[in-house]
Amino acid sequence: MRINLKKLDNILKDRKIERGSKRASSDLIPVLQEAQEAYGHLPHEVLKEVSLRLKVPLSQVYGVVTFYAQFRLSPSGKNLIKVCEGTACHVRGGAAIKKRIEGLLNIKDGETTTDYKFTLETVACVGSCAFSPVMVVNKQYYGKLTSNDVEDILKRYK
């Protein structure tokens, strides 16, 4: 399937980037963030085009994309579930929350449901330790969870 690069054109047109300059390299992460927002993930064709247009080696583009957890190389579900595995969440039952989600959705960490409704990620910390254990669905935080709370929360997004 061919990717429409007009979205990428729009992202790059407002940036006055001198190709191959230090400015182009420093714009790489913001360009990738905007491209992921526009496409939902970062297809190979988009990464190749970013590399060509910014004159940044494709290996460097992939290095950035694979280093930072925020970037996705494959489509994610409509609803992104992040389960905190930080110390406070871990101590207060975060593993049981994750296990319950995995059981209900029949996916593991990093996977997407076959209907593309949910993607599950574990993260090191969501910054809400006082409300642990915590999960985030899209940008909505749910805290002080028990494994019994999970099913009701997920039903809101089906």
C-alpha atoms as a PDB file:
ATOM      1  CA  MET A   1       0.000   0.000   0.000  1.00  0.00           C
ATOM      2  CA  ARG A   2       1.350   3.384  -1.024  1.00  0.00           C
ATOM      3  CA  ILE A   3       1.488   6.080   1.664  1.00  0.00           C
ATOM      4  CA  ASN A   4       0.196   9.561   0.829  1.00  0.00           C
ATOM      5  CA  LEU A   5       3.128  11.873   1.500  1.00  0.00           C
ATOM      6  CA  LYS A   6       1.056  15.091   1.420  1.00  0.00           C
ATOM      7  CA  LYS A   7       0.832  14.987   5.209  1.00  0.00           C
ATOM      8  CA  LEU A   8       4.618  14.913   5.379  1.00  0.00           C
ATOM      9  CA  ASP A   9       4.807  17.773   2.869  1.00  0.00           C
ATOM     10  CA  ASN A  10       2.622  19.847   5.206  1.00  0.00           C
ATOM     11  CA  ILE A  11       4.791  19.002   8.205  1.00  0.00           C
ATOM     12  CA  LEU A  12       7.999  20.008   6.449  1.00  0.00           C
ATOM     13  CA  LYS A  13       6.763  23.062   4.516  1.00  0.00           C
ATOM     14  CA  ASP A  14       6.459  25.240   7.628  1.00  0.00           C
ATOM     15  CA  ARG A  15       9.957  24.357   8.775  1.00  0.00           C
ATOM     16  CA  LYS A  16      12.671  26.363   7.162  1.00  0.00           C
ATOM     17  CA  ILE A  17      15.220  23.570   7.209  1.00  0.00           C
ATOM     18  CA  GLU A  18      18.482  23.708   5.342  1.00  0.00           C
ATOM     19  CA  ARG A  19      18.881  20.167   4.138  1.00  0.00           C
ATOM     20  CA  GLY A  20      21.688  18.297   5.836  1.00  0.00           C
ATOM     21  CA  SER A  21      22.368  21.113   8.290  1.00  0.00           C
ATOM     22  CA  LYS A  22      22.598  20.768  12.062  1.00  0.00           C
ATOM     23  CA  ARG A  23      19.158  22.349  12.098  1.00  0.00           C
ATOM     24  CA  ALA A  24      17.836  19.422  10.040  1.00  0.00           C
ATOM     25  CA  SER A  25      19.238  16.946  12.580  1.00  0.00           C
ATOM     26  CA  SER A  26      17.817  18.903  15.491  1.00  0.00           C
ATOM     27  CA  ASP A  27      14.407  18.966  13.785  1.00  0.00           C
ATOM     28  CA  LEU A  28      14.398  15.195  13.325  1.00  0.00           C
ATOM     29  CA  ILE A  29      12.546  14.327  16.552  1.00  0.00           C
ATOM     30  CA  PRO A  30       9.857  17.023  16.194  1.00  0.00           C
ATOM     31  CA  VAL A  31       9.328  16.033  12.534  1.00  0.00           C
ATOM     32  CA  LEU A  32       9.011  12.359  13.540  1.00  0.00           C
ATOM     33  CA  GLN A  33       6.572  13.270  16.309  1.00  0.00           C
ATOM     34  CA  GLU A  34       4.389  15.238  13.904  1.00  0.00           C
ATOM     35  CA  ALA A  35       4.598  12.508  11.276  1.00  0.00           C
ATOM     36  CA  GLN A  36       3.521   9.888  13.783  1.00  0.00           C
ATOM     37  CA  GLU A  37       0.623  12.095  14.837  1.00  0.00           C
ATOM     38  CA  ALA A  38      -0.404  12.477  11.197  1.00  0.00           C
ATOM     39  CA  TYR A  39      -0.019   8.822  10.159  1.00  0.00           C
ATOM     40  CA  GLY A  40      -0.733   7.058  13.458  1.00  0.00           C
ATOM     41  CA  HIS A  41       2.658   5.342  13.268  1.00  0.00           C
ATOM     42  CA  LEU A  42       5.867   5.701  11.274  1.00  0.00           C
ATOM     43  CA  PRO A  43       5.743   3.584   8.124  1.00  0.00           C
ATOM     44  CA  HIS A  44       9.052   2.764   6.423  1.00  0.00           C
ATOM     45  CA  GLU A  45       8.145   4.923   3.418  1.00  0.00           C
ATOM     46  CA  VAL A  46       7.677   7.976   5.669  1.00  0.00           C
ATOM     47  CA  LEU A  47      10.988   7.345   7.448  1.00  0.00           C
ATOM     48  CA  LYS A  48      12.757   6.987   4.120  1.00  0.00           C
ATOM     49  CA  GLU A  49      11.261  10.253   2.899  1.00  0.00           C
ATOM     50  CA  VAL A  50      12.206  12.067   6.142  1.00  0.00           C
ATOM     51  CA  SER A  51      15.744  10.790   5.675  1.00  0.00           C
ATOM     52  CA  LEU A  52      15.884  12.028   2.080  1.00  0.00           C
ATOM     53  CA  ARG A  53      14.310  15.409   2.721  1.00  0.00           C
ATOM     54  CA  LEU A  54      16.325  16.220   5.832  1.00  0.00           C
ATOM     55  CA  LYS A  55      19.450  14.565   4.412  1.00  0.00           C
ATOM     56  CA  VAL A  56      19.840  12.615   7.625  1.00  0.00           C
ATOM     57  CA  PRO A  57      21.051   9.022   7.151  1.00  0.00           C
ATOM     58  CA  LEU A  58      18.220   6.485   7.278  1.00  0.00           C
ATOM     59  CA  SER A  59      20.216   4.552   9.886  1.00  0.00           C
ATOM     60  CA  GLN A  60      20.161   7.639  12.131  1.00  0.00           C
ATOM     61  CA  VAL A  61      16.399   8.055  11.608  1.00  0.00           C
ATOM     62  CA  TYR A  62      15.820   4.406  12.576  1.00  0.00           C
ATOM     63  CA  GLY A  63      18.225   4.807  15.496  1.00  0.00           C
ATOM     64  CA  VAL A  64      16.095   7.619  16.897  1.00  0.00           C
ATOM     65  CA  VAL A  65      12.793   5.831  16.226  1.00  0.00           C
ATOM     66  CA  THR A  66      13.915   2.595  17.885  1.00  0.00           C
ATOM     67  CA  PHE A  67      15.601   4.345  20.829  1.00  0.00           C
ATOM     68  CA  TYR A  68      12.600   6.374  21.991  1.00  0.00           C
ATOM     69  CA  ALA A  69       9.575   4.425  23.237  1.00  0.00           C
ATOM     70  CA  GLN A  70       7.186   7.136  22.021  1.00  0.00           C
ATOM     71  CA  PHE A  71       7.652   6.117  18.383  1.00  0.00           C
ATOM     72  CA  ARG A  72       5.753   3.274  16.688  1.00  0.00           C
ATOM     73  CA  LEU A  73       6.738   1.413  13.540  1.00  0.00           C
ATOM     74  CA  SER A  74       3.413  -0.391  13.267  1.00  0.00           C
ATOM     75  CA  PRO A  75      -0.173   0.822  13.641  1.00  0.00           C
ATOM     76  CA  SER A  76      -1.500   1.011  17.158  1.00  0.00           C
ATOM     77  CA  GLY A  77      -5.019   0.581  18.374  1.00  0.00           C
ATOM     78  CA  LYS A  78      -7.553   3.366  18.612  1.00  0.00           C
ATOM     79  CA  ASN A  79      -7.108   3.302  22.394  1.00  0.00           C
ATOM     80  CA  LEU A  80      -3.624   3.243  23.868  1.00  0.00           C
ATOM     81  CA  ILE A  81      -3.475   1.669  27.327  1.00  0.00           C
ATOM     82  CA  LYS A  82      -0.396   2.421  29.413  1.00  0.00           C
ATOM     83  CA  VAL A  83       0.094   0.455  32.600  1.00  0.00           C
ATOM     84  CA  CYS A  84       2.556   1.899  35.068  1.00  0.00           C
ATOM     85  CA  GLU A  85       5.264  -0.431  36.330  1.00  0.00           C
ATOM     86  CA  GLY A  86       7.025   2.123  38.500  1.00  0.00           C
ATOM     87  CA  THR A  87       7.972   1.163  42.056  1.00  0.00           C
ATOM     88  CA  ALA A  88       4.829   2.492  43.745  1.00  0.00           C
ATOM     89  CA  CYS A  89       2.527   0.884  41.176  1.00  0.00           C
ATOM     90  CA  HIS A  90       4.478  -2.361  41.283  1.00  0.00           C
ATOM     91  CA  VAL A  91       4.279  -2.576  45.064  1.00  0.00           C
ATOM     92  CA  ARG A  92       0.554  -1.811  45.048  1.00  0.00           C
ATOM     93  CA  GLY A  93      -0.479  -4.388  42.448  1.00  0.00           C
ATOM     94  CA  GLY A  94       0.366  -3.008  39.025  1.00  0.00           C
ATOM     95  CA  ALA A  95       1.255  -6.490  37.770  1.00  0.00           C
ATOM     96  CA  ALA A  96      -2.266  -7.729  38.558  1.00  0.00           C
ATOM     97  CA  ILE A  97      -3.718  -4.785  36.611  1.00  0.00           C
ATOM     98  CA  LYS A  98      -1.581  -5.625  33.585  1.00  0.00           C
ATOM     99  CA  LYS A  99      -2.408  -9.330  33.835  1.00  0.00           C
ATOM    100  CA  ARG A 100      -6.142  -8.535  33.966  1.00  0.00           C
ATOM    101  CA  ILE A 101      -5.914  -6.321  30.861  1.00  0.00           C
ATOM    102  CA  GLU A 102      -3.957  -9.001  29.015  1.00  0.00           C
ATOM    103  CA  GLY A 103      -6.597 -11.574  29.914  1.00  0.00           C
ATOM    104  CA  LEU A 104      -9.555  -9.404  28.942  1.00  0.00           C
ATOM    105  CA  LEU A 105      -8.073  -8.264  25.628  1.00  0.00           C
ATOM    106  CA  ASN A 106      -6.078 -11.391  24.806  1.00  0.00           C
ATOM    107  CA  ILE A 107      -2.899  -9.398  24.107  1.00  0.00           C
ATOM    108  CA  LYS A 108       0.506  -9.017  25.743  1.00  0.00           C
ATOM    109  CA  ASP A 109       2.624  -5.942  26.384  1.00  0.00           C
ATOM    110  CA  GLY A 110       3.361  -4.126  23.128  1.00  0.00           C
ATOM    111  CA  GLU A 111       0.583  -5.852  21.202  1.00  0.00           C
ATOM    112  CA  THR A 112      -2.565  -4.557  19.541  1.00  0.00           C
ATOM    113  CA  THR A 113      -5.921  -6.296  19.459  1.00  0.00           C
ATOM    114  CA  THR A 114      -6.872  -7.785  16.085  1.00  0.00           C
ATOM    115  CA  ASP A 115      -9.701  -5.239  15.719  1.00  0.00           C
ATOM    116  CA  TYR A 116      -7.231  -2.365  16.357  1.00  0.00           C
ATOM    117  CA  LYS A 117      -9.290  -1.060  19.263  1.00  0.00           C
ATOM    118  CA  PHE A 118      -6.548  -1.398  21.917  1.00  0.00           C
ATOM    119  CA  THR A 119      -2.781  -1.359  22.223  1.00  0.00           C
ATOM    120  CA  LEU A 120      -1.157  -2.260  25.543  1.00  0.00           C
ATOM    121  CA  GLU A 121       2.102  -0.754  26.768  1.00  0.00           C
ATOM    122  CA  THR A 122       3.868  -0.907  30.072  1.00  0.00           C
ATOM    123  CA  VAL A 123       5.736   2.224  31.085  1.00  0.00           C
ATOM    124  CA  ALA A 124       8.295   2.939  33.787  1.00  0.00           C
ATOM    125  CA  CYS A 125       6.266   5.714  35.406  1.00  0.00           C
ATOM    126  CA  VAL A 126       3.289   7.943  34.628  1.00  0.00           C
ATOM    127  CA  GLY A 127       4.053  10.393  37.428  1.00  0.00           C
ATOM    128  CA  SER A 128       1.011   9.646  39.564  1.00  0.00           C
ATOM    129  CA  CYS A 129       2.540   7.598  42.350  1.00  0.00           C
ATOM    130  CA  ALA A 130       0.066   8.835  44.975  1.00  0.00           C
ATOM    131  CA  PHE A 131      -2.714   7.166  42.969  1.00  0.00           C
ATOM    132  CA  SER A 132      -0.950   3.857  42.344  1.00  0.00           C
ATOM    133  CA  PRO A 133      -1.549   1.493  40.775  1.00  0.00           C
ATOM    134  CA  VAL A 134      -2.314   3.569  37.699  1.00  0.00           C
ATOM    135  CA  MET A 135      -3.249   2.957  34.095  1.00  0.00           C
ATOM    136  CA  VAL A 136      -3.807   5.527  31.392  1.00  0.00           C
ATOM    137  CA  VAL A 137      -6.189   5.038  28.468  1.00  0.00           C
ATOM    138  CA  ASN A 138      -5.398   7.579  25.790  1.00  0.00           C
ATOM    139  CA  LYS A 139      -4.930  10.634  28.057  1.00  0.00           C
ATOM    140  CA  GLN A 140      -7.354   9.622  30.809  1.00  0.00           C
ATOM    141  CA  TYR A 141      -5.722   8.526  34.082  1.00  0.00           C
ATOM    142  CA  TYR A 142      -7.252   5.842  36.298  1.00  0.00           C
ATOM    143  CA  GLY A 143      -5.748   5.379  39.741  1.00  0.00           C
ATOM    144  CA  LYS A 144      -6.032   3.421  42.953  1.00  0.00           C
ATOM    145  CA  LEU A 145      -7.068   0.498  40.790  1.00  0.00           C
ATOM    146  CA  THR A 146      -7.920  -3.057  41.616  1.00  0.00           C
ATOM    147  CA  SER A 147      -8.025  -5.767  38.974  1.00  0.00           C
ATOM    148  CA  ASN A 148     -11.837  -5.679  39.338  1.00  0.00           C
ATOM    149  CA  ASP A 149     -11.905  -2.051  38.072  1.00  0.00           C
ATOM    150  CA  VAL A 150     -10.236  -2.871  34.777  1.00  0.00           C
ATOM    151  CA  GLU A 151     -13.165  -4.490  32.957  1.00  0.00           C
ATOM    152  CA  ASP A 152     -15.521  -1.578  33.666  1.00  0.00           C
ATOM    153  CA  ILE A 153     -12.925   0.922  32.468  1.00  0.00           C
ATOM    154  CA  LEU A 154     -12.254  -0.974  29.225  1.00  0.00           C
ATOM    155  CA  LYS A 155     -15.993  -1.251  28.470  1.00  0.00           C
ATOM    156  CA  ARG A 156     -16.085   2.552  28.180  1.00  0.00           C
ATOM    157  CA  TYR A 157     -13.766   2.350  25.166  1.00  0.00           C
ATOM    158  CA  LYS A 158     -15.307  -0.553  23.240  1.00  0.00           C
END
